Amino acid sequence: MDKEAQSFWPTGHAKECLPVPRNICLSRTALTRIMTTGMLALALAGCSRRGEIDATGGIVAVRSACPTAAVPAYTGDITLFNPAQSRDAAAIDVVADITNLRSTCADGAQYYTEASFTVNARRSDASVARQVTLPYFSAVVRGGNTVVAKRVGQVTLNFAAGDYRASAQAKAGSYVDKASASLPADIQAKITQKRKAGDADAAIDPFAQPDVKAALLRTSFELLVGFNLTQDQLKYNATR
């Protein structure tokens, strides 16, 4: 496991660390989120927006060093069939999805992010009480495409006799090294240096500069949560 970030289950949910499947489509919006959530320590003035020159001559920017939580594409729902090898609509047994994903971030010696979410499920046969256990993962992703830590856990749904629907709550968490998630001083200075309207550098977007873009990616982390699908389940979600 990468020492810069750890993924784990809050109290009583620890599981072994596993690699993320190569074909899971991870978030491609990390850079956008980095630039549009939270606060980078800048001199902000009035209602200035990102990219504008504020009253002090600095560029207004918005950024969060705390990892954001998200569900990767194609991993937010799961379909079980009976028989398992069938893909006919008539063979659908249980369908479940992840919803109400919420996260909190604590700023201490490390950035601690905890994500909570709801799993809603429905079944096709409600004749008897039934318990269904589904696997899900949490992964810490750096720069939008590099998995640095992953854990797999389980969420259990209890269907009462006669009930077609069931819900359950689950959690995941991550620790990220503060230094790894913080922009270097020289990059911060390049973004926030004072500029005067009309000056040559005032027309240059610091976020478009290669070293700034690379630093933003390098220091961005996400906590991704989704069902830990088999190859067939992932293919079904991607092609249905």
C-alpha atoms as a PDB file:
ATOM      1  CA  MET A   1       0.000   0.000   0.000  1.00  0.00           C
ATOM      2  CA  ASP A   2       1.284   3.478  -0.909  1.00  0.00           C
ATOM      3  CA  LYS A   3       2.493   5.355   2.164  1.00  0.00           C
ATOM      4  CA  GLU A   4       0.998   8.587   0.819  1.00  0.00           C
ATOM      5  CA  ALA A   5      -2.594   7.346   1.070  1.00  0.00           C
ATOM      6  CA  GLN A   6      -4.574   4.613   2.790  1.00  0.00           C
ATOM      7  CA  SER A   7      -8.065   3.281   2.202  1.00  0.00           C
ATOM      8  CA  PHE A   8      -9.884   1.579   5.064  1.00  0.00           C
ATOM      9  CA  TRP A   9     -13.246   0.755   6.613  1.00  0.00           C
ATOM     10  CA  PRO A  10     -14.320   2.694   9.727  1.00  0.00           C
ATOM     11  CA  THR A  11     -14.543   0.688  12.972  1.00  0.00           C
ATOM     12  CA  GLY A  12     -15.032  -3.030  12.439  1.00  0.00           C
ATOM     13  CA  HIS A  13     -14.893  -3.109   8.640  1.00  0.00           C
ATOM     14  CA  ALA A  14     -11.188  -3.741   7.879  1.00  0.00           C
ATOM     15  CA  LYS A  15     -10.503  -5.999   4.883  1.00  0.00           C
ATOM     16  CA  GLU A  16      -7.455  -7.004   2.858  1.00  0.00           C
ATOM     17  CA  CYS A  17      -5.938  -4.609   0.348  1.00  0.00           C
ATOM     18  CA  LEU A  18      -6.529  -5.644  -3.274  1.00  0.00           C
ATOM     19  CA  PRO A  19      -5.633  -4.199  -6.688  1.00  0.00           C
ATOM     20  CA  VAL A  20      -8.366  -2.391  -8.587  1.00  0.00           C
ATOM     21  CA  PRO A  21      -9.550  -4.125 -11.789  1.00  0.00           C
ATOM     22  CA  ARG A  22      -7.724  -2.620 -14.752  1.00  0.00           C
ATOM     23  CA  ASN A  23     -10.866  -2.045 -16.772  1.00  0.00           C
ATOM     24  CA  ILE A  24     -12.804  -0.052 -14.173  1.00  0.00           C
ATOM     25  CA  CYS A  25     -13.416   3.395 -15.633  1.00  0.00           C
ATOM     26  CA  LEU A  26     -12.037   5.781 -13.015  1.00  0.00           C
ATOM     27  CA  SER A  27     -12.938   9.428 -12.678  1.00  0.00           C
ATOM     28  CA  ARG A  28     -11.736  11.725 -15.440  1.00  0.00           C
ATOM     29  CA  THR A  29     -12.900  14.917 -13.734  1.00  0.00           C
ATOM     30  CA  ALA A  30     -10.374  15.129 -10.933  1.00  0.00           C
ATOM     31  CA  LEU A  31      -8.668  18.225 -12.320  1.00  0.00           C
ATOM     32  CA  THR A  32     -11.993  20.017 -12.677  1.00  0.00           C
ATOM     33  CA  ARG A  33     -12.945  19.189  -9.106  1.00  0.00           C
ATOM     34  CA  ILE A  34      -9.561  20.334  -7.820  1.00  0.00           C
ATOM     35  CA  MET A  35     -10.088  23.746  -9.342  1.00  0.00           C
ATOM     36  CA  THR A  36     -13.698  24.173  -8.289  1.00  0.00           C
ATOM     37  CA  THR A  37     -14.100  22.939  -4.703  1.00  0.00           C
ATOM     38  CA  GLY A  38     -12.745  24.093  -1.356  1.00  0.00           C
ATOM     39  CA  MET A  39     -10.223  26.894  -0.832  1.00  0.00           C
ATOM     40  CA  LEU A  40      -6.588  27.383  -1.773  1.00  0.00           C
ATOM     41  CA  ALA A  41      -4.963  29.930   0.540  1.00  0.00           C
ATOM     42  CA  LEU A  42      -5.403  32.957  -1.679  1.00  0.00           C
ATOM     43  CA  ALA A  43      -6.332  36.593  -1.173  1.00  0.00           C
ATOM     44  CA  LEU A  44      -9.983  36.565  -2.231  1.00  0.00           C
ATOM     45  CA  ALA A  45     -11.949  39.733  -2.755  1.00  0.00           C
ATOM     46  CA  GLY A  46     -15.685  40.392  -3.142  1.00  0.00           C
ATOM     47  CA  CYS A  47     -17.390  38.249  -5.771  1.00  0.00           C
ATOM     48  CA  SER A  48     -14.322  37.547  -7.907  1.00  0.00           C
ATOM     49  CA  ARG A  49     -14.332  34.285  -9.804  1.00  0.00           C
ATOM     50  CA  ARG A  50     -11.556  31.814 -10.594  1.00  0.00           C
ATOM     51  CA  GLY A  51      -9.122  33.198 -13.157  1.00  0.00           C
ATOM     52  CA  GLU A  52      -9.975  36.838 -12.488  1.00  0.00           C
ATOM     53  CA  ILE A  53      -7.486  39.366 -11.087  1.00  0.00           C
ATOM     54  CA  ASP A  54      -8.603  40.324  -7.585  1.00  0.00           C
ATOM     55  CA  ALA A  55      -8.129  43.642  -5.749  1.00  0.00           C
ATOM     56  CA  THR A  56      -4.605  42.670  -4.620  1.00  0.00           C
ATOM     57  CA  GLY A  57      -3.461  41.770  -8.129  1.00  0.00           C
ATOM     58  CA  GLY A  58      -3.491  38.020  -7.478  1.00  0.00           C
ATOM     59  CA  ILE A  59      -5.330  35.374  -9.446  1.00  0.00           C
ATOM     60  CA  VAL A  60      -8.437  34.091  -7.712  1.00  0.00           C
ATOM     61  CA  ALA A  61      -8.439  30.293  -7.471  1.00  0.00           C
ATOM     62  CA  VAL A  62     -10.490  27.701  -5.638  1.00  0.00           C
ATOM     63  CA  ARG A  63      -9.120  24.312  -4.611  1.00  0.00           C
ATOM     64  CA  SER A  64      -9.555  21.647  -1.943  1.00  0.00           C
ATOM     65  CA  ALA A  65      -6.684  19.546  -0.641  1.00  0.00           C
ATOM     66  CA  CYS A  66      -9.228  17.143   0.892  1.00  0.00           C
ATOM     67  CA  PRO A  67     -10.017  14.097  -1.273  1.00  0.00           C
ATOM     68  CA  THR A  68     -13.487  14.218  -2.792  1.00  0.00           C
ATOM     69  CA  ALA A  69     -15.722  11.137  -2.880  1.00  0.00           C
ATOM     70  CA  ALA A  70     -17.260   9.822  -6.097  1.00  0.00           C
ATOM     71  CA  VAL A  71     -18.633   6.682  -7.761  1.00  0.00           C
ATOM     72  CA  PRO A  72     -16.673   5.603 -10.891  1.00  0.00           C
ATOM     73  CA  ALA A  73     -18.552   5.025 -14.138  1.00  0.00           C
ATOM     74  CA  TYR A  74     -20.273   1.630 -14.481  1.00  0.00           C
ATOM     75  CA  THR A  75     -19.686   0.643 -10.821  1.00  0.00           C
ATOM     76  CA  GLY A  76     -22.675   2.327  -9.176  1.00  0.00           C
ATOM     77  CA  ASP A  77     -25.083  -0.548  -9.741  1.00  0.00           C
ATOM     78  CA  ILE A  78     -25.051  -4.333  -9.870  1.00  0.00           C
ATOM     79  CA  THR A  79     -27.394  -6.921 -11.375  1.00  0.00           C
ATOM     80  CA  LEU A  80     -27.618 -10.550 -10.225  1.00  0.00           C
ATOM     81  CA  PHE A  81     -29.171 -13.176 -12.513  1.00  0.00           C
ATOM     82  CA  ASN A  82     -30.745 -16.563 -11.861  1.00  0.00           C
ATOM     83  CA  PRO A  83     -29.344 -18.617 -13.469  1.00  0.00           C
ATOM     84  CA  ALA A  84     -26.095 -16.662 -13.060  1.00  0.00           C
ATOM     85  CA  GLN A  85     -24.889 -17.182 -16.638  1.00  0.00           C
ATOM     86  CA  SER A  86     -28.098 -15.833 -18.194  1.00  0.00           C
ATOM     87  CA  ARG A  87     -28.488 -12.226 -19.321  1.00  0.00           C
ATOM     88  CA  ASP A  88     -32.187 -12.403 -20.163  1.00  0.00           C
ATOM     89  CA  ALA A  89     -34.444  -9.791 -18.582  1.00  0.00           C
ATOM     90  CA  ALA A  90     -36.646 -12.589 -17.273  1.00  0.00           C
ATOM     91  CA  ALA A  91     -33.677 -14.007 -15.360  1.00  0.00           C
ATOM     92  CA  ILE A  92     -32.935 -10.822 -13.380  1.00  0.00           C
ATOM     93  CA  ASP A  93     -32.856 -11.783  -9.701  1.00  0.00           C
ATOM     94  CA  VAL A  94     -31.611  -8.735  -7.745  1.00  0.00           C
ATOM     95  CA  VAL A  95     -30.713  -5.197  -8.825  1.00  0.00           C
ATOM     96  CA  ALA A  96     -28.934  -2.812  -6.463  1.00  0.00           C
ATOM     97  CA  ASP A  97     -27.488   0.682  -6.734  1.00  0.00           C
ATOM     98  CA  ILE A  98     -25.365   3.055  -4.676  1.00  0.00           C
ATOM     99  CA  THR A  99     -26.960   6.384  -3.829  1.00  0.00           C
ATOM    100  CA  ASN A 100     -26.738   9.292  -1.375  1.00  0.00           C
ATOM    101  CA  LEU A 101     -22.931   9.285  -1.349  1.00  0.00           C
ATOM    102  CA  ARG A 102     -21.750  11.873   1.158  1.00  0.00           C
ATOM    103  CA  SER A 103     -18.297  12.621   2.494  1.00  0.00           C
ATOM    104  CA  THR A 104     -16.653  14.598   5.270  1.00  0.00           C
ATOM    105  CA  CYS A 105     -13.029  15.657   5.563  1.00  0.00           C
ATOM    106  CA  ALA A 106     -11.039  16.241   8.745  1.00  0.00           C
ATOM    107  CA  ASP A 107      -7.845  18.295   8.616  1.00  0.00           C
ATOM    108  CA  GLY A 108      -5.289  16.940  11.069  1.00  0.00           C
ATOM    109  CA  ALA A 109      -1.862  15.353  10.763  1.00  0.00           C
ATOM    110  CA  GLN A 110      -3.370  13.747   7.646  1.00  0.00           C
ATOM    111  CA  TYR A 111      -6.470  14.449   5.600  1.00  0.00           C
ATOM    112  CA  TYR A 112      -9.124  11.986   6.728  1.00  0.00           C
ATOM    113  CA  THR A 113     -12.086  11.488   4.410  1.00  0.00           C
ATOM    114  CA  GLU A 114     -15.072   9.386   5.410  1.00  0.00           C
ATOM    115  CA  ALA A 115     -17.736   8.501   2.854  1.00  0.00           C
ATOM    116  CA  SER A 116     -21.169   7.127   3.693  1.00  0.00           C
ATOM    117  CA  PHE A 117     -23.705   5.851   1.198  1.00  0.00           C
ATOM    118  CA  THR A 118     -26.936   3.925   0.802  1.00  0.00           C
ATOM    119  CA  VAL A 119     -27.422   0.713  -1.139  1.00  0.00           C
ATOM    120  CA  ASN A 120     -30.965   0.253  -2.433  1.00  0.00           C
ATOM    121  CA  ALA A 121     -31.974  -3.108  -3.875  1.00  0.00           C
ATOM    122  CA  ARG A 122     -35.009  -4.792  -5.351  1.00  0.00           C
ATOM    123  CA  ARG A 123     -35.646  -8.449  -6.083  1.00  0.00           C
ATOM    124  CA  SER A 124     -37.967 -10.278  -8.436  1.00  0.00           C
ATOM    125  CA  ASP A 125     -39.182 -12.978  -6.013  1.00  0.00           C
ATOM    126  CA  ALA A 126     -40.516 -11.837  -2.634  1.00  0.00           C
ATOM    127  CA  SER A 127     -42.044 -15.126  -1.512  1.00  0.00           C
ATOM    128  CA  VAL A 128     -39.614 -15.736   1.376  1.00  0.00           C
ATOM    129  CA  ALA A 129     -37.242 -13.758   3.590  1.00  0.00           C
ATOM    130  CA  ARG A 130     -33.786 -13.500   2.080  1.00  0.00           C
ATOM    131  CA  GLN A 131     -30.359 -12.034   2.841  1.00  0.00           C
ATOM    132  CA  VAL A 132     -28.157 -10.780  -0.002  1.00  0.00           C
ATOM    133  CA  THR A 133     -24.517  -9.769   0.493  1.00  0.00           C
ATOM    134  CA  LEU A 134     -22.832  -7.584  -2.126  1.00  0.00           C
ATOM    135  CA  PRO A 135     -19.122  -6.661  -2.416  1.00  0.00           C
ATOM    136  CA  TYR A 136     -18.016  -3.058  -2.765  1.00  0.00           C
ATOM    137  CA  PHE A 137     -14.644  -1.344  -2.953  1.00  0.00           C
ATOM    138  CA  SER A 138     -13.100   1.912  -1.846  1.00  0.00           C
ATOM    139  CA  ALA A 139     -10.059   3.164  -3.725  1.00  0.00           C
ATOM    140  CA  VAL A 140      -7.801   6.165  -3.247  1.00  0.00           C
ATOM    141  CA  VAL A 141      -6.956   7.577  -6.676  1.00  0.00           C
ATOM    142  CA  ARG A 142      -4.227  10.110  -7.380  1.00  0.00           C
ATOM    143  CA  GLY A 143      -4.232  12.421 -10.368  1.00  0.00           C
ATOM    144  CA  GLY A 144      -7.471  11.009 -11.741  1.00  0.00           C
ATOM    145  CA  ASN A 145      -6.066   7.656 -12.908  1.00  0.00           C
ATOM    146  CA  THR A 146      -3.521   6.159 -10.470  1.00  0.00           C
ATOM    147  CA  VAL A 147      -4.879   3.808  -7.795  1.00  0.00           C
ATOM    148  CA  VAL A 148      -2.652   4.043  -4.717  1.00  0.00           C
ATOM    149  CA  ALA A 149      -4.809   2.015  -2.309  1.00  0.00           C
ATOM    150  CA  LYS A 150      -7.884  -0.195  -2.487  1.00  0.00           C
ATOM    151  CA  ARG A 151      -9.974  -2.264  -0.097  1.00  0.00           C
ATOM    152  CA  VAL A 152     -12.945  -4.558  -0.633  1.00  0.00           C
ATOM    153  CA  GLY A 153     -15.807  -4.942   1.833  1.00  0.00           C
ATOM    154  CA  GLN A 154     -19.372  -6.205   1.937  1.00  0.00           C
ATOM    155  CA  VAL A 155     -22.817  -4.754   2.493  1.00  0.00           C
ATOM    156  CA  THR A 156     -25.706  -7.006   3.529  1.00  0.00           C
ATOM    157  CA  LEU A 157     -29.339  -6.433   2.553  1.00  0.00           C
ATOM    158  CA  ASN A 158     -32.179  -8.131   4.421  1.00  0.00           C
ATOM    159  CA  PHE A 159     -35.430  -8.701   2.529  1.00  0.00           C
ATOM    160  CA  ALA A 160     -38.421  -9.541   4.685  1.00  0.00           C
ATOM    161  CA  ALA A 161     -40.930 -12.070   3.389  1.00  0.00           C
ATOM    162  CA  GLY A 162     -43.249 -10.279   0.972  1.00  0.00           C
ATOM    163  CA  ASP A 163     -40.918  -7.299   0.496  1.00  0.00           C
ATOM    164  CA  TYR A 164     -39.448  -6.609  -2.901  1.00  0.00           C
ATOM    165  CA  ARG A 165     -37.136  -3.831  -1.693  1.00  0.00           C
ATOM    166  CA  ALA A 166     -34.397  -3.485   0.925  1.00  0.00           C
ATOM    167  CA  SER A 167     -31.801  -0.859   1.864  1.00  0.00           C
ATOM    168  CA  ALA A 168     -28.573  -0.814   3.834  1.00  0.00           C
ATOM    169  CA  GLN A 169     -25.985   1.768   4.874  1.00  0.00           C
ATOM    170  CA  ALA A 170     -22.236   1.456   4.370  1.00  0.00           C
ATOM    171  CA  LYS A 171     -19.086   3.508   4.935  1.00  0.00           C
ATOM    172  CA  ALA A 172     -15.530   3.806   3.682  1.00  0.00           C
ATOM    173  CA  GLY A 173     -12.638   6.048   4.627  1.00  0.00           C
ATOM    174  CA  SER A 174      -9.177   7.157   3.615  1.00  0.00           C
ATOM    175  CA  TYR A 175      -6.121   8.901   5.013  1.00  0.00           C
ATOM    176  CA  VAL A 176      -3.977  11.013   2.679  1.00  0.00           C
ATOM    177  CA  ASP A 177      -0.596  12.462   3.599  1.00  0.00           C
ATOM    178  CA  LYS A 178      -0.937  16.227   3.898  1.00  0.00           C
ATOM    179  CA  ALA A 179       2.367  16.988   2.179  1.00  0.00           C
ATOM    180  CA  SER A 180       1.422  14.802  -0.790  1.00  0.00           C
ATOM    181  CA  ALA A 181      -1.881  16.658  -1.217  1.00  0.00           C
ATOM    182  CA  SER A 182      -0.460  20.171  -0.877  1.00  0.00           C
ATOM    183  CA  LEU A 183       0.805  22.352  -3.714  1.00  0.00           C
ATOM    184  CA  PRO A 184       4.507  23.257  -3.537  1.00  0.00           C
ATOM    185  CA  ALA A 185       5.238  26.819  -2.440  1.00  0.00           C
ATOM    186  CA  ASP A 186       6.640  27.809  -5.848  1.00  0.00           C
ATOM    187  CA  ILE A 187       3.480  26.639  -7.617  1.00  0.00           C
ATOM    188  CA  GLN A 188       1.272  28.496  -5.145  1.00  0.00           C
ATOM    189  CA  ALA A 189       3.391  31.603  -5.705  1.00  0.00           C
ATOM    190  CA  LYS A 190       3.053  31.273  -9.474  1.00  0.00           C
ATOM    191  CA  ILE A 191      -0.735  31.064  -9.178  1.00  0.00           C
ATOM    192  CA  THR A 192      -1.152  33.851  -6.644  1.00  0.00           C
ATOM    193  CA  GLN A 193       1.513  36.330  -7.741  1.00  0.00           C
ATOM    194  CA  LYS A 194       0.193  39.857  -8.155  1.00  0.00           C
ATOM    195  CA  ARG A 195      -0.696  40.910 -11.654  1.00  0.00           C
ATOM    196  CA  LYS A 196      -1.783  44.249 -13.026  1.00  0.00           C
ATOM    197  CA  ALA A 197      -4.319  44.612 -15.781  1.00  0.00           C
ATOM    198  CA  GLY A 198      -2.475  45.349 -19.009  1.00  0.00           C
ATOM    199  CA  ASP A 199       0.733  43.550 -17.997  1.00  0.00           C
ATOM    200  CA  ALA A 200       1.894  40.748 -20.278  1.00  0.00           C
ATOM    201  CA  ASP A 201       1.621  38.086 -17.580  1.00  0.00           C
ATOM    202  CA  ALA A 202      -1.904  39.214 -16.683  1.00  0.00           C
ATOM    203  CA  ALA A 203      -3.137  37.624 -19.906  1.00  0.00           C
ATOM    204  CA  ILE A 204      -1.518  34.264 -19.107  1.00  0.00           C
ATOM    205  CA  ASP A 205      -3.676  31.698 -17.316  1.00  0.00           C
ATOM    206  CA  PRO A 206      -1.366  30.128 -14.697  1.00  0.00           C
ATOM    207  CA  PHE A 207      -3.525  27.003 -14.677  1.00  0.00           C
ATOM    208  CA  ALA A 208      -2.628  26.401 -18.333  1.00  0.00           C
ATOM    209  CA  GLN A 209       1.104  26.231 -17.615  1.00  0.00           C
ATOM    210  CA  PRO A 210       2.469  22.646 -17.779  1.00  0.00           C
ATOM    211  CA  ASP A 211       4.203  22.705 -14.388  1.00  0.00           C
ATOM    212  CA  VAL A 212       1.075  24.049 -12.666  1.00  0.00           C
ATOM    213  CA  LYS A 213      -1.175  21.490 -14.361  1.00  0.00           C
ATOM    214  CA  ALA A 214       1.222  18.683 -13.408  1.00  0.00           C
ATOM    215  CA  ALA A 215       1.367  19.858  -9.778  1.00  0.00           C
ATOM    216  CA  LEU A 216      -2.426  20.046  -9.567  1.00  0.00           C
ATOM    217  CA  LEU A 217      -2.737  16.486 -10.805  1.00  0.00           C
ATOM    218  CA  ARG A 218       0.070  15.211  -8.590  1.00  0.00           C
ATOM    219  CA  THR A 219      -1.516  16.645  -5.439  1.00  0.00           C
ATOM    220  CA  SER A 220      -5.120  15.653  -6.214  1.00  0.00           C
ATOM    221  CA  PHE A 221      -6.703  12.635  -4.514  1.00  0.00           C
ATOM    222  CA  GLU A 222     -10.171  11.097  -4.695  1.00  0.00           C
ATOM    223  CA  LEU A 223     -11.936   8.455  -2.615  1.00  0.00           C
ATOM    224  CA  LEU A 224     -13.848   6.319  -5.119  1.00  0.00           C
ATOM    225  CA  VAL A 225     -16.578   3.909  -4.024  1.00  0.00           C
ATOM    226  CA  GLY A 226     -18.415   1.326  -6.132  1.00  0.00           C
ATOM    227  CA  PHE A 227     -19.534  -2.280  -6.380  1.00  0.00           C
ATOM    228  CA  ASN A 228     -16.634  -4.684  -6.813  1.00  0.00           C
ATOM    229  CA  LEU A 229     -17.894  -6.193 -10.054  1.00  0.00           C
ATOM    230  CA  THR A 230     -16.792  -9.299 -11.907  1.00  0.00           C
ATOM    231  CA  GLN A 231     -15.624  -8.929 -15.504  1.00  0.00           C
ATOM    232  CA  ASP A 232     -19.029 -10.102 -16.742  1.00  0.00           C
ATOM    233  CA  GLN A 233     -20.926  -7.709 -14.460  1.00  0.00           C
ATOM    234  CA  LEU A 234     -18.774  -4.793 -15.557  1.00  0.00           C
ATOM    235  CA  LYS A 235     -19.297  -5.687 -19.217  1.00  0.00           C
ATOM    236  CA  TYR A 236     -23.043  -5.889 -18.646  1.00  0.00           C
ATOM    237  CA  ASN A 237     -23.118  -2.406 -17.075  1.00  0.00           C
ATOM    238  CA  ALA A 238     -20.995  -0.914 -19.842  1.00  0.00           C
ATOM    239  CA  THR A 239     -22.890  -2.398 -22.785  1.00  0.00           C
ATOM    240  CA  ARG A 240     -26.547  -2.709 -21.778  1.00  0.00           C
END
